PDB file of all heavy atoms in Angstrom:
ATOM      1  N   ARG A   1      11.971  -0.136   2.608  1.00  0.00           N
ATOM      2  CA  ARG A   1      12.751   0.251   3.783  1.00  0.00           C
ATOM      3  C   ARG A   1      11.971   1.211   4.680  1.00  0.00           C
ATOM      4  O   ARG A   1      11.860   1.008   5.867  1.00  0.00           O
ATOM      5  CB  ARG A   1      14.070   0.885   3.373  1.00  0.00           C
ATOM      6  CG  ARG A   1      14.991  -0.076   2.673  1.00  0.00           C
ATOM      7  CD  ARG A   1      16.440   0.301   2.824  1.00  0.00           C
ATOM      8  NE  ARG A   1      17.273  -0.590   2.033  1.00  0.00           N
ATOM      9  CZ  ARG A   1      17.581  -1.829   2.370  1.00  0.00           C
ATOM     10  NH1 ARG A   1      17.117  -2.334   3.470  1.00  0.00           N
ATOM     11  NH2 ARG A   1      18.340  -2.569   1.596  1.00  0.00           N
ATOM     12  N   SER A   2      11.440   2.292   4.081  1.00  0.00           N
ATOM     13  CA  SER A   2      10.762   3.322   4.873  1.00  0.00           C
ATOM     14  C   SER A   2       9.747   4.058   4.012  1.00  0.00           C
ATOM     15  O   SER A   2       9.925   4.186   2.798  1.00  0.00           O
ATOM     16  CB  SER A   2      11.803   4.313   5.411  1.00  0.00           C
ATOM     17  OG  SER A   2      11.180   5.370   6.089  1.00  0.00           O
ATOM     18  N   ILE A   3       8.718   4.564   4.666  1.00  0.00           N
ATOM     19  CA  ILE A   3       7.737   5.396   3.962  1.00  0.00           C
ATOM     20  C   ILE A   3       8.053   6.875   4.131  1.00  0.00           C
ATOM     21  O   ILE A   3       7.345   7.732   3.619  1.00  0.00           O
ATOM     22  CB  ILE A   3       6.298   5.108   4.454  1.00  0.00           C
ATOM     23  CG1 ILE A   3       6.205   5.252   5.962  1.00  0.00           C
ATOM     24  CG2 ILE A   3       5.829   3.771   3.960  1.00  0.00           C
ATOM     25  CD1 ILE A   3       4.818   5.231   6.504  1.00  0.00           C
ATOM     26  N   GLY A   4       9.129   7.153   4.887  1.00  0.00           N
ATOM     27  CA  GLY A   4       9.524   8.541   5.099  1.00  0.00           C
ATOM     28  C   GLY A   4       8.475   9.301   5.887  1.00  0.00           C
ATOM     29  O   GLY A   4       7.905   8.764   6.839  1.00  0.00           O
ATOM     30  N   PRO A   5       8.162  10.516   5.466  1.00  0.00           N
ATOM     31  CA  PRO A   5       7.208  11.338   6.223  1.00  0.00           C
ATOM     32  C   PRO A   5       5.744  11.025   5.925  1.00  0.00           C
ATOM     33  O   PRO A   5       4.853  11.660   6.459  1.00  0.00           O
ATOM     34  CB  PRO A   5       7.551  12.758   5.765  1.00  0.00           C
ATOM     35  CG  PRO A   5       7.997  12.584   4.355  1.00  0.00           C
ATOM     36  CD  PRO A   5       8.755  11.261   4.359  1.00  0.00           C
ATOM     37  N   TYR A   6       5.494  10.035   5.080  1.00  0.00           N
ATOM     38  CA  TYR A   6       4.128   9.747   4.653  1.00  0.00           C
ATOM     39  C   TYR A   6       3.403   8.841   5.643  1.00  0.00           C
ATOM     40  O   TYR A   6       4.008   8.037   6.334  1.00  0.00           O
ATOM     41  CB  TYR A   6       4.130   9.088   3.269  1.00  0.00           C
ATOM     42  CG  TYR A   6       4.828   9.917   2.232  1.00  0.00           C
ATOM     43  CD1 TYR A   6       6.102   9.586   1.803  1.00  0.00           C
ATOM     44  CD2 TYR A   6       4.229  11.052   1.705  1.00  0.00           C
ATOM     45  CE1 TYR A   6       6.763  10.363   0.861  1.00  0.00           C
ATOM     46  CE2 TYR A   6       4.875  11.835   0.770  1.00  0.00           C
ATOM     47  CZ  TYR A   6       6.147  11.476   0.351  1.00  0.00           C
ATOM     48  OH  TYR A   6       6.791  12.253  -0.567  1.00  0.00           O
ATOM     49  N   ASP A   7       2.096   8.940   5.671  1.00  0.00           N
ATOM     50  CA  ASP A   7       1.259   8.036   6.443  1.00  0.00           C
ATOM     51  C   ASP A   7       1.202   6.704   5.702  1.00  0.00           C
ATOM     52  O   ASP A   7       0.983   6.679   4.487  1.00  0.00           O
ATOM     53  CB  ASP A   7      -0.146   8.637   6.582  1.00  0.00           C
ATOM     54  CG  ASP A   7      -1.075   7.717   7.332  1.00  0.00           C
ATOM     55  OD1 ASP A   7      -0.960   7.668   8.570  1.00  0.00           O
ATOM     56  OD2 ASP A   7      -1.882   7.048   6.661  1.00  0.00           O
ATOM     57  N   ILE A   8       1.402   5.607   6.408  1.00  0.00           N
ATOM     58  CA  ILE A   8       1.481   4.309   5.740  1.00  0.00           C
ATOM     59  C   ILE A   8       0.183   3.935   5.022  1.00  0.00           C
ATOM     60  O   ILE A   8       0.212   3.340   3.951  1.00  0.00           O
ATOM     61  CB  ILE A   8       1.938   3.192   6.707  1.00  0.00           C
ATOM     62  CG1 ILE A   8       2.316   1.942   5.897  1.00  0.00           C
ATOM     63  CG2 ILE A   8       0.888   2.919   7.773  1.00  0.00           C
ATOM     64  CD1 ILE A   8       3.109   0.921   6.657  1.00  0.00           C
ATOM     65  N   SER A   9      -0.949   4.320   5.568  1.00  0.00           N
ATOM     66  CA  SER A   9      -2.213   3.992   4.896  1.00  0.00           C
ATOM     67  C   SER A   9      -2.356   4.765   3.587  1.00  0.00           C
ATOM     68  O   SER A   9      -2.762   4.196   2.567  1.00  0.00           O
ATOM     69  CB  SER A   9      -3.408   4.250   5.812  1.00  0.00           C
ATOM     70  OG  SER A   9      -3.489   5.608   6.162  1.00  0.00           O
ATOM     71  N   ASP A  10      -2.017   6.046   3.592  1.00  0.00           N
ATOM     72  CA  ASP A  10      -2.069   6.836   2.355  1.00  0.00           C
ATOM     73  C   ASP A  10      -1.122   6.267   1.309  1.00  0.00           C
ATOM     74  O   ASP A  10      -1.467   6.144   0.135  1.00  0.00           O
ATOM     75  CB  ASP A  10      -1.702   8.298   2.628  1.00  0.00           C
ATOM     76  CG  ASP A  10      -2.753   9.038   3.411  1.00  0.00           C
ATOM     77  OD1 ASP A  10      -3.914   8.577   3.434  1.00  0.00           O
ATOM     78  OD2 ASP A  10      -2.421  10.083   4.000  1.00  0.00           O
ATOM     79  N   TYR A  11       0.077   5.918   1.741  1.00  0.00           N
ATOM     80  CA  TYR A  11       1.088   5.354   0.840  1.00  0.00           C
ATOM     81  C   TYR A  11       0.572   4.056   0.225  1.00  0.00           C
ATOM     82  O   TYR A  11       0.672   3.847  -0.988  1.00  0.00           O
ATOM     83  CB  TYR A  11       2.378   5.115   1.622  1.00  0.00           C
ATOM     84  CG  TYR A  11       3.601   4.897   0.773  1.00  0.00           C
ATOM     85  CD1 TYR A  11       4.493   5.929   0.534  1.00  0.00           C
ATOM     86  CD2 TYR A  11       3.882   3.655   0.224  1.00  0.00           C
ATOM     87  CE1 TYR A  11       5.621   5.732  -0.235  1.00  0.00           C
ATOM     88  CE2 TYR A  11       5.006   3.443  -0.549  1.00  0.00           C
ATOM     89  CZ  TYR A  11       5.871   4.480  -0.768  1.00  0.00           C
ATOM     90  OH  TYR A  11       6.994   4.278  -1.537  1.00  0.00           O
ATOM     91  N   ALA A  12       0.004   3.185   1.052  1.00  0.00           N
ATOM     92  CA  ALA A  12      -0.482   1.895   0.570  1.00  0.00           C
ATOM     93  C   ALA A  12      -1.633   2.074  -0.422  1.00  0.00           C
ATOM     94  O   ALA A  12      -1.654   1.418  -1.481  1.00  0.00           O
ATOM     95  CB  ALA A  12      -0.934   1.032   1.745  1.00  0.00           C
ATOM     96  N   PHE A  13      -2.595   2.936  -0.112  1.00  0.00           N
ATOM     97  CA  PHE A  13      -3.724   3.138  -1.015  1.00  0.00           C
ATOM     98  C   PHE A  13      -3.274   3.748  -2.344  1.00  0.00           C
ATOM     99  O   PHE A  13      -3.739   3.358  -3.415  1.00  0.00           O
ATOM    100  CB  PHE A  13      -4.806   4.011  -0.367  1.00  0.00           C
ATOM    101  CG  PHE A  13      -5.653   3.265   0.617  1.00  0.00           C
ATOM    102  CD1 PHE A  13      -5.646   3.610   1.954  1.00  0.00           C
ATOM    103  CD2 PHE A  13      -6.456   2.213   0.214  1.00  0.00           C
ATOM    104  CE1 PHE A  13      -6.413   2.924   2.877  1.00  0.00           C
ATOM    105  CE2 PHE A  13      -7.238   1.507   1.121  1.00  0.00           C
ATOM    106  CZ  PHE A  13      -7.214   1.865   2.461  1.00  0.00           C
ATOM    107  N   LYS A  14      -2.348   4.699  -2.301  1.00  0.00           N
ATOM    108  CA  LYS A  14      -1.848   5.303  -3.542  1.00  0.00           C
ATOM    109  C   LYS A  14      -1.067   4.298  -4.374  1.00  0.00           C
ATOM    110  O   LYS A  14      -1.194   4.263  -5.599  1.00  0.00           O
ATOM    111  CB  LYS A  14      -0.998   6.529  -3.223  1.00  0.00           C
ATOM    112  CG  LYS A  14      -1.827   7.706  -2.771  1.00  0.00           C
ATOM    113  CD  LYS A  14      -0.982   8.908  -2.435  1.00  0.00           C
ATOM    114  CE  LYS A  14      -1.872  10.023  -1.903  1.00  0.00           C
ATOM    115  NZ  LYS A  14      -1.116  11.192  -1.469  1.00  0.00           N
ATOM    116  N   LEU A  15      -0.262   3.487  -3.721  1.00  0.00           N
ATOM    117  CA  LEU A  15       0.504   2.460  -4.432  1.00  0.00           C
ATOM    118  C   LEU A  15      -0.431   1.435  -5.070  1.00  0.00           C
ATOM    119  O   LEU A  15      -0.274   1.083  -6.238  1.00  0.00           O
ATOM    120  CB  LEU A  15       1.482   1.777  -3.472  1.00  0.00           C
ATOM    121  CG  LEU A  15       2.430   0.758  -4.077  1.00  0.00           C
ATOM    122  CD1 LEU A  15       3.325   1.416  -5.120  1.00  0.00           C
ATOM    123  CD2 LEU A  15       3.279   0.135  -2.978  1.00  0.00           C
ATOM    124  N   GLY A  16      -1.404   0.977  -4.324  1.00  0.00           N
ATOM    125  CA  GLY A  16      -2.370   0.021  -4.858  1.00  0.00           C
ATOM    126  C   GLY A  16      -3.156   0.584  -6.022  1.00  0.00           C
ATOM    127  O   GLY A  16      -3.423  -0.119  -7.010  1.00  0.00           O
ATOM    128  N   ASP A  17      -3.519   1.839  -5.946  1.00  0.00           N
ATOM    129  CA  ASP A  17      -4.253   2.493  -7.023  1.00  0.00           C
ATOM    130  C   ASP A  17      -3.374   2.611  -8.268  1.00  0.00           C
ATOM    131  O   ASP A  17      -3.818   2.341  -9.379  1.00  0.00           O
ATOM    132  CB  ASP A  17      -4.734   3.868  -6.561  1.00  0.00           C
ATOM    133  CG  ASP A  17      -5.660   4.516  -7.551  1.00  0.00           C
ATOM    134  OD1 ASP A  17      -6.562   3.832  -8.070  1.00  0.00           O
ATOM    135  OD2 ASP A  17      -5.479   5.727  -7.819  1.00  0.00           O
ATOM    136  N   LYS A  18      -2.127   2.982  -8.088  1.00  0.00           N
ATOM    137  CA  LYS A  18      -1.206   3.147  -9.210  1.00  0.00           C
ATOM    138  C   LYS A  18      -0.913   1.811  -9.889  1.00  0.00           C
ATOM    139  O   LYS A  18      -0.860   1.728 -11.108  1.00  0.00           O
ATOM    140  CB  LYS A  18       0.101   3.779  -8.737  1.00  0.00           C
ATOM    141  CG  LYS A  18       1.070   4.054  -9.846  1.00  0.00           C
ATOM    142  CD  LYS A  18       2.279   4.803  -9.367  1.00  0.00           C
ATOM    143  CE  LYS A  18       3.190   5.095 -10.548  1.00  0.00           C
ATOM    144  NZ  LYS A  18       4.336   5.890 -10.169  1.00  0.00           N
ATOM    145  N   TRP A  19      -0.729   0.759  -9.107  1.00  0.00           N
ATOM    146  CA  TRP A  19      -0.414  -0.560  -9.662  1.00  0.00           C
ATOM    147  C   TRP A  19      -1.647  -1.289 -10.175  1.00  0.00           C
ATOM    148  O   TRP A  19      -1.525  -2.245 -10.918  1.00  0.00           O
ATOM    149  CB  TRP A  19       0.297  -1.411  -8.621  1.00  0.00           C
ATOM    150  CG  TRP A  19       1.722  -1.015  -8.371  1.00  0.00           C
ATOM    151  CD1 TRP A  19       2.368   0.093  -8.830  1.00  0.00           C
ATOM    152  CD2 TRP A  19       2.674  -1.728  -7.590  1.00  0.00           C
ATOM    153  NE1 TRP A  19       3.658   0.117  -8.374  1.00  0.00           N
ATOM    154  CE2 TRP A  19       3.882  -0.985  -7.612  1.00  0.00           C
ATOM    155  CE3 TRP A  19       2.630  -2.899  -6.850  1.00  0.00           C
ATOM    156  CZ2 TRP A  19       5.022  -1.392  -6.942  1.00  0.00           C
ATOM    157  CZ3 TRP A  19       3.767  -3.311  -6.182  1.00  0.00           C
ATOM    158  CH2 TRP A  19       4.951  -2.570  -6.235  1.00  0.00           C
ATOM    159  N   GLY A  20      -2.827  -0.886  -9.758  1.00  0.00           N
ATOM    160  CA  GLY A  20      -4.059  -1.531 -10.215  1.00  0.00           C
ATOM    161  C   GLY A  20      -4.180  -2.976  -9.760  1.00  0.00           C
ATOM    162  O   GLY A  20      -4.422  -3.870 -10.563  1.00  0.00           O
ATOM    163  N   ILE A  21      -4.033  -3.202  -8.485  1.00  0.00           N
ATOM    164  CA  ILE A  21      -4.075  -4.555  -7.933  1.00  0.00           C
ATOM    165  C   ILE A  21      -5.509  -5.056  -7.891  1.00  0.00           C
ATOM    166  O   ILE A  21      -6.410  -4.344  -7.455  1.00  0.00           O
ATOM    167  CB  ILE A  21      -3.438  -4.563  -6.530  1.00  0.00           C
ATOM    168  CG1 ILE A  21      -1.977  -4.141  -6.639  1.00  0.00           C
ATOM    169  CG2 ILE A  21      -3.560  -5.923  -5.877  1.00  0.00           C
ATOM    170  CD1 ILE A  21      -1.339  -3.802  -5.322  1.00  0.00           C
ATOM    171  N   GLY A  22      -5.718  -6.294  -8.344  1.00  0.00           N
ATOM    172  CA  GLY A  22      -7.051  -6.875  -8.383  1.00  0.00           C
ATOM    173  C   GLY A  22      -7.696  -6.686  -9.747  1.00  0.00           C
ATOM    174  O   GLY A  22      -7.108  -6.126 -10.654  1.00  0.00           O
ATOM    175  N   GLN A  23      -8.925  -7.162  -9.872  1.00  0.00           N
ATOM    176  CA  GLN A  23      -9.666  -7.039 -11.122  1.00  0.00           C
ATOM    177  C   GLN A  23     -10.516  -5.783 -11.080  1.00  0.00           C
ATOM    178  O   GLN A  23     -11.184  -5.522 -10.081  1.00  0.00           O
ATOM    179  CB  GLN A  23     -10.534  -8.270 -11.348  1.00  0.00           C
ATOM    180  CG  GLN A  23      -9.730  -9.527 -11.543  1.00  0.00           C
ATOM    181  CD  GLN A  23     -10.625 -10.749 -11.655  1.00  0.00           C
ATOM    182  OE1 GLN A  23     -11.807 -10.703 -11.364  1.00  0.00           O
ATOM    183  NE2 GLN A  23     -10.038 -11.850 -12.084  1.00  0.00           N
ATOM    184  N   LYS A  24     -10.493  -5.051 -12.158  1.00  0.00           N
ATOM    185  CA  LYS A  24     -11.151  -3.754 -12.200  1.00  0.00           C
ATOM    186  C   LYS A  24     -12.636  -3.812 -11.856  1.00  0.00           C
ATOM    187  O   LYS A  24     -13.150  -2.979 -11.127  1.00  0.00           O
ATOM    188  CB  LYS A  24     -10.962  -3.134 -13.580  1.00  0.00           C
ATOM    189  CG  LYS A  24     -11.378  -1.693 -13.655  1.00  0.00           C
ATOM    190  CD  LYS A  24     -10.989  -1.094 -14.965  1.00  0.00           C
ATOM    191  CE  LYS A  24     -11.219   0.396 -14.945  1.00  0.00           C
ATOM    192  NZ  LYS A  24     -10.697   1.051 -16.129  1.00  0.00           N
ATOM    193  N   ASP A  25     -13.325  -4.814 -12.348  1.00  0.00           N
ATOM    194  CA  ASP A  25     -14.771  -4.878 -12.132  1.00  0.00           C
ATOM    195  C   ASP A  25     -15.155  -5.495 -10.791  1.00  0.00           C
ATOM    196  O   ASP A  25     -16.316  -5.486 -10.417  1.00  0.00           O
ATOM    197  CB  ASP A  25     -15.443  -5.645 -13.274  1.00  0.00           C
ATOM    198  CG  ASP A  25     -14.915  -7.062 -13.420  1.00  0.00           C
ATOM    199  OD1 ASP A  25     -13.770  -7.326 -13.001  1.00  0.00           O
ATOM    200  OD2 ASP A  25     -15.646  -7.910 -13.963  1.00  0.00           O
ATOM    201  N   ARG A  26     -14.185  -6.009 -10.034  1.00  0.00           N
ATOM    202  CA  ARG A  26     -14.504  -6.672  -8.771  1.00  0.00           C
ATOM    203  C   ARG A  26     -13.891  -6.021  -7.541  1.00  0.00           C
ATOM    204  O   ARG A  26     -14.257  -6.366  -6.425  1.00  0.00           O
ATOM    205  CB  ARG A  26     -14.040  -8.127  -8.817  1.00  0.00           C
ATOM    206  CG  ARG A  26     -14.788  -8.947  -9.812  1.00  0.00           C
ATOM    207  CD  ARG A  26     -14.442 -10.376  -9.656  1.00  0.00           C
ATOM    208  NE  ARG A  26     -15.190 -11.186 -10.611  1.00  0.00           N
ATOM    209  CZ  ARG A  26     -14.994 -12.447 -10.789  1.00  0.00           C
ATOM    210  NH1 ARG A  26     -14.087 -13.077 -10.084  1.00  0.00           N
ATOM    211  NH2 ARG A  26     -15.704 -13.110 -11.667  1.00  0.00           N
ATOM    212  N   ASP A  27     -12.932  -5.146  -7.700  1.00  0.00           N
ATOM    213  CA  ASP A  27     -12.237  -4.541  -6.555  1.00  0.00           C
ATOM    214  C   ASP A  27     -11.825  -5.619  -5.549  1.00  0.00           C
ATOM    215  O   ASP A  27     -12.132  -5.563  -4.372  1.00  0.00           O
ATOM    216  CB  ASP A  27     -13.117  -3.497  -5.852  1.00  0.00           C
ATOM    217  CG  ASP A  27     -13.223  -2.221  -6.666  1.00  0.00           C
ATOM    218  OD1 ASP A  27     -12.345  -1.972  -7.508  1.00  0.00           O
ATOM    219  OD2 ASP A  27     -14.185  -1.474  -6.456  1.00  0.00           O
ATOM    220  N   ASN A  28     -11.130  -6.622  -6.038  1.00  0.00           N
ATOM    221  CA  ASN A  28     -10.775  -7.766  -5.207  1.00  0.00           C
ATOM    222  C   ASN A  28      -9.263  -7.872  -4.957  1.00  0.00           C
ATOM    223  O   ASN A  28      -8.724  -8.953  -4.844  1.00  0.00           O
ATOM    224  CB  ASN A  28     -11.296  -9.061  -5.841  1.00  0.00           C
ATOM    225  CG  ASN A  28     -10.711  -9.298  -7.214  1.00  0.00           C
ATOM    226  OD1 ASN A  28     -10.096  -8.424  -7.807  1.00  0.00           O
ATOM    227  ND2 ASN A  28     -10.916 -10.484  -7.735  1.00  0.00           N
ATOM    228  N   GLY A  29      -8.606  -6.754  -4.877  1.00  0.00           N
ATOM    229  CA  GLY A  29      -7.179  -6.762  -4.618  1.00  0.00           C
ATOM    230  C   GLY A  29      -6.868  -6.440  -3.170  1.00  0.00           C
ATOM    231  O   GLY A  29      -7.634  -5.773  -2.482  1.00  0.00           O
ATOM    232  N   VAL A  30      -5.727  -6.963  -2.725  1.00  0.00           N
ATOM    233  CA  VAL A  30      -5.230  -6.686  -1.380  1.00  0.00           C
ATOM    234  C   VAL A  30      -3.757  -6.342  -1.499  1.00  0.00           C
ATOM    235  O   VAL A  30      -2.998  -7.064  -2.155  1.00  0.00           O
ATOM    236  CB  VAL A  30      -5.408  -7.910  -0.449  1.00  0.00           C
ATOM    237  CG1 VAL A  30      -4.761  -7.659   0.903  1.00  0.00           C
ATOM    238  CG2 VAL A  30      -6.870  -8.257  -0.288  1.00  0.00           C
ATOM    239  N   LEU A  31      -3.360  -5.254  -0.887  1.00  0.00           N
ATOM    240  CA  LEU A  31      -1.957  -4.856  -0.849  1.00  0.00           C
ATOM    241  C   LEU A  31      -1.490  -4.899   0.595  1.00  0.00           C
ATOM    242  O   LEU A  31      -2.085  -4.251   1.464  1.00  0.00           O
ATOM    243  CB  LEU A  31      -1.769  -3.441  -1.406  1.00  0.00           C
ATOM    244  CG  LEU A  31      -0.369  -2.855  -1.242  1.00  0.00           C
ATOM    245  CD1 LEU A  31       0.611  -3.553  -2.180  1.00  0.00           C
ATOM    246  CD2 LEU A  31      -0.372  -1.368  -1.503  1.00  0.00           C
ATOM    247  N   ILE A  32      -0.448  -5.676   0.838  1.00  0.00           N
ATOM    248  CA  ILE A  32       0.172  -5.720   2.159  1.00  0.00           C
ATOM    249  C   ILE A  32       1.488  -4.955   2.037  1.00  0.00           C
ATOM    250  O   ILE A  32       2.396  -5.376   1.309  1.00  0.00           O
ATOM    251  CB  ILE A  32       0.419  -7.162   2.625  1.00  0.00           C
ATOM    252  CG1 ILE A  32      -0.910  -7.930   2.675  1.00  0.00           C
ATOM    253  CG2 ILE A  32       1.121  -7.173   3.982  1.00  0.00           C
ATOM    254  CD1 ILE A  32      -0.756  -9.412   2.892  1.00  0.00           C
ATOM    255  N   LEU A  33       1.568  -3.824   2.716  1.00  0.00           N
ATOM    256  CA  LEU A  33       2.754  -2.980   2.674  1.00  0.00           C
ATOM    257  C   LEU A  33       3.484  -3.061   3.999  1.00  0.00           C
ATOM    258  O   LEU A  33       2.887  -2.834   5.057  1.00  0.00           O
ATOM    259  CB  LEU A  33       2.364  -1.521   2.396  1.00  0.00           C
ATOM    260  CG  LEU A  33       3.488  -0.492   2.425  1.00  0.00           C
ATOM    261  CD1 LEU A  33       4.524  -0.771   1.334  1.00  0.00           C
ATOM    262  CD2 LEU A  33       2.929   0.915   2.290  1.00  0.00           C
ATOM    263  N   ALA A  34       4.767  -3.396   3.937  1.00  0.00           N
ATOM    264  CA  ALA A  34       5.607  -3.447   5.134  1.00  0.00           C
ATOM    265  C   ALA A  34       6.762  -2.469   4.965  1.00  0.00           C
ATOM    266  O   ALA A  34       7.552  -2.588   4.028  1.00  0.00           O
ATOM    267  CB  ALA A  34       6.143  -4.858   5.351  1.00  0.00           C
ATOM    268  N   ALA A  35       6.817  -1.488   5.863  1.00  0.00           N
ATOM    269  CA  ALA A  35       7.934  -0.531   5.900  1.00  0.00           C
ATOM    270  C   ALA A  35       8.878  -1.021   7.002  1.00  0.00           C
ATOM    271  O   ALA A  35       8.614  -0.811   8.188  1.00  0.00           O
ATOM    272  CB  ALA A  35       7.430   0.878   6.175  1.00  0.00           C
ATOM    273  N   MET A  36       9.916  -1.710   6.601  1.00  0.00           N
ATOM    274  CA  MET A  36      10.746  -2.463   7.534  1.00  0.00           C
ATOM    275  C   MET A  36      11.437  -1.593   8.586  1.00  0.00           C
ATOM    276  O   MET A  36      11.384  -1.895   9.771  1.00  0.00           O
ATOM    277  CB  MET A  36      11.773  -3.293   6.758  1.00  0.00           C
ATOM    278  CG  MET A  36      11.133  -4.216   5.709  1.00  0.00           C
ATOM    279  SD  MET A  36       9.898  -5.338   6.373  1.00  0.00           S
ATOM    280  CE  MET A  36      10.963  -6.538   7.119  1.00  0.00           C
ATOM    281  N   GLU A  37      12.094  -0.531   8.182  1.00  0.00           N
ATOM    282  CA  GLU A  37      12.806   0.312   9.143  1.00  0.00           C
ATOM    283  C   GLU A  37      11.850   1.075  10.055  1.00  0.00           C
ATOM    284  O   GLU A  37      12.192   1.390  11.191  1.00  0.00           O
ATOM    285  CB  GLU A  37      13.750   1.273   8.418  1.00  0.00           C
ATOM    286  CG  GLU A  37      14.928   0.570   7.776  1.00  0.00           C
ATOM    287  CD  GLU A  37      15.826   1.506   6.981  1.00  0.00           C
ATOM    288  OE1 GLU A  37      15.575   2.736   6.964  1.00  0.00           O
ATOM    289  OE2 GLU A  37      16.781   0.999   6.366  1.00  0.00           O
ATOM    290  N   ASP A  38      10.660   1.364   9.552  1.00  0.00           N
ATOM    291  CA  ASP A  38       9.654   2.070  10.345  1.00  0.00           C
ATOM    292  C   ASP A  38       8.888   1.124  11.264  1.00  0.00           C
ATOM    293  O   ASP A  38       8.157   1.568  12.144  1.00  0.00           O
ATOM    294  CB  ASP A  38       8.643   2.777   9.431  1.00  0.00           C
ATOM    295  CG  ASP A  38       9.300   3.770   8.503  1.00  0.00           C
ATOM    296  OD1 ASP A  38      10.340   4.341   8.873  1.00  0.00           O
ATOM    297  OD2 ASP A  38       8.772   3.962   7.390  1.00  0.00           O
ATOM    298  N   ARG A  39       9.043  -0.181  11.003  1.00  0.00           N
ATOM    299  CA  ARG A  39       8.342  -1.220  11.761  1.00  0.00           C
ATOM    300  C   ARG A  39       6.824  -1.015  11.688  1.00  0.00           C
ATOM    301  O   ARG A  39       6.115  -1.060  12.696  1.00  0.00           O
ATOM    302  CB  ARG A  39       8.839  -1.277  13.194  1.00  0.00           C
ATOM    303  CG  ARG A  39      10.328  -1.585  13.272  1.00  0.00           C
ATOM    304  CD  ARG A  39      10.829  -1.557  14.675  1.00  0.00           C
ATOM    305  NE  ARG A  39      10.201  -2.580  15.477  1.00  0.00           N
ATOM    306  CZ  ARG A  39      10.798  -3.686  15.911  1.00  0.00           C
ATOM    307  NH1 ARG A  39      12.053  -3.888  15.629  1.00  0.00           N
ATOM    308  NH2 ARG A  39      10.143  -4.555  16.646  1.00  0.00           N
ATOM    309  N   LYS A  40       6.343  -0.777  10.460  1.00  0.00           N
ATOM    310  CA  LYS A  40       4.920  -0.550  10.223  1.00  0.00           C
ATOM    311  C   LYS A  40       4.437  -1.467   9.111  1.00  0.00           C
ATOM    312  O   LYS A  40       5.145  -1.727   8.152  1.00  0.00           O
ATOM    313  CB  LYS A  40       4.657   0.891   9.815  1.00  0.00           C
ATOM    314  CG  LYS A  40       4.938   1.900  10.895  1.00  0.00           C
ATOM    315  CD  LYS A  40       4.616   3.297  10.440  1.00  0.00           C
ATOM    316  CE  LYS A  40       4.892   4.305  11.540  1.00  0.00           C
ATOM    317  NZ  LYS A  40       4.573   5.661  11.111  1.00  0.00           N
ATOM    318  N   VAL A  41       3.204  -1.926   9.266  1.00  0.00           N
ATOM    319  CA  VAL A  41       2.553  -2.757   8.255  1.00  0.00           C
ATOM    320  C   VAL A  41       1.140  -2.225   8.064  1.00  0.00           C
ATOM    321  O   VAL A  41       0.477  -1.848   9.030  1.00  0.00           O
ATOM    322  CB  VAL A  41       2.506  -4.238   8.685  1.00  0.00           C
ATOM    323  CG1 VAL A  41       1.729  -5.066   7.691  1.00  0.00           C
ATOM    324  CG2 VAL A  41       3.908  -4.800   8.867  1.00  0.00           C
ATOM    325  N   PHE A  42       0.688  -2.230   6.818  1.00  0.00           N
ATOM    326  CA  PHE A  42      -0.696  -1.818   6.542  1.00  0.00           C
ATOM    327  C   PHE A  42      -1.255  -2.716   5.462  1.00  0.00           C
ATOM    328  O   PHE A  42      -0.572  -3.042   4.492  1.00  0.00           O
ATOM    329  CB  PHE A  42      -0.751  -0.357   6.084  1.00  0.00           C
ATOM    330  CG  PHE A  42      -2.153   0.173   5.999  1.00  0.00           C
ATOM    331  CD1 PHE A  42      -2.825   0.606   7.124  1.00  0.00           C
ATOM    332  CD2 PHE A  42      -2.819   0.198   4.782  1.00  0.00           C
ATOM    333  CE1 PHE A  42      -4.132   1.071   7.059  1.00  0.00           C
ATOM    334  CE2 PHE A  42      -4.126   0.663   4.696  1.00  0.00           C
ATOM    335  CZ  PHE A  42      -4.776   1.100   5.844  1.00  0.00           C
TER     336      PHE A  42
END
């Protein structure tokens, strides 16, 4: 719904790091984050 007071890029990078998206040895993950109420995508 919203990222609140956070910067969307910081939020996306932290979320991706926490979830471990992609393969560890290849860094081949992509996270598409959409904050619908904020009308922001990163």
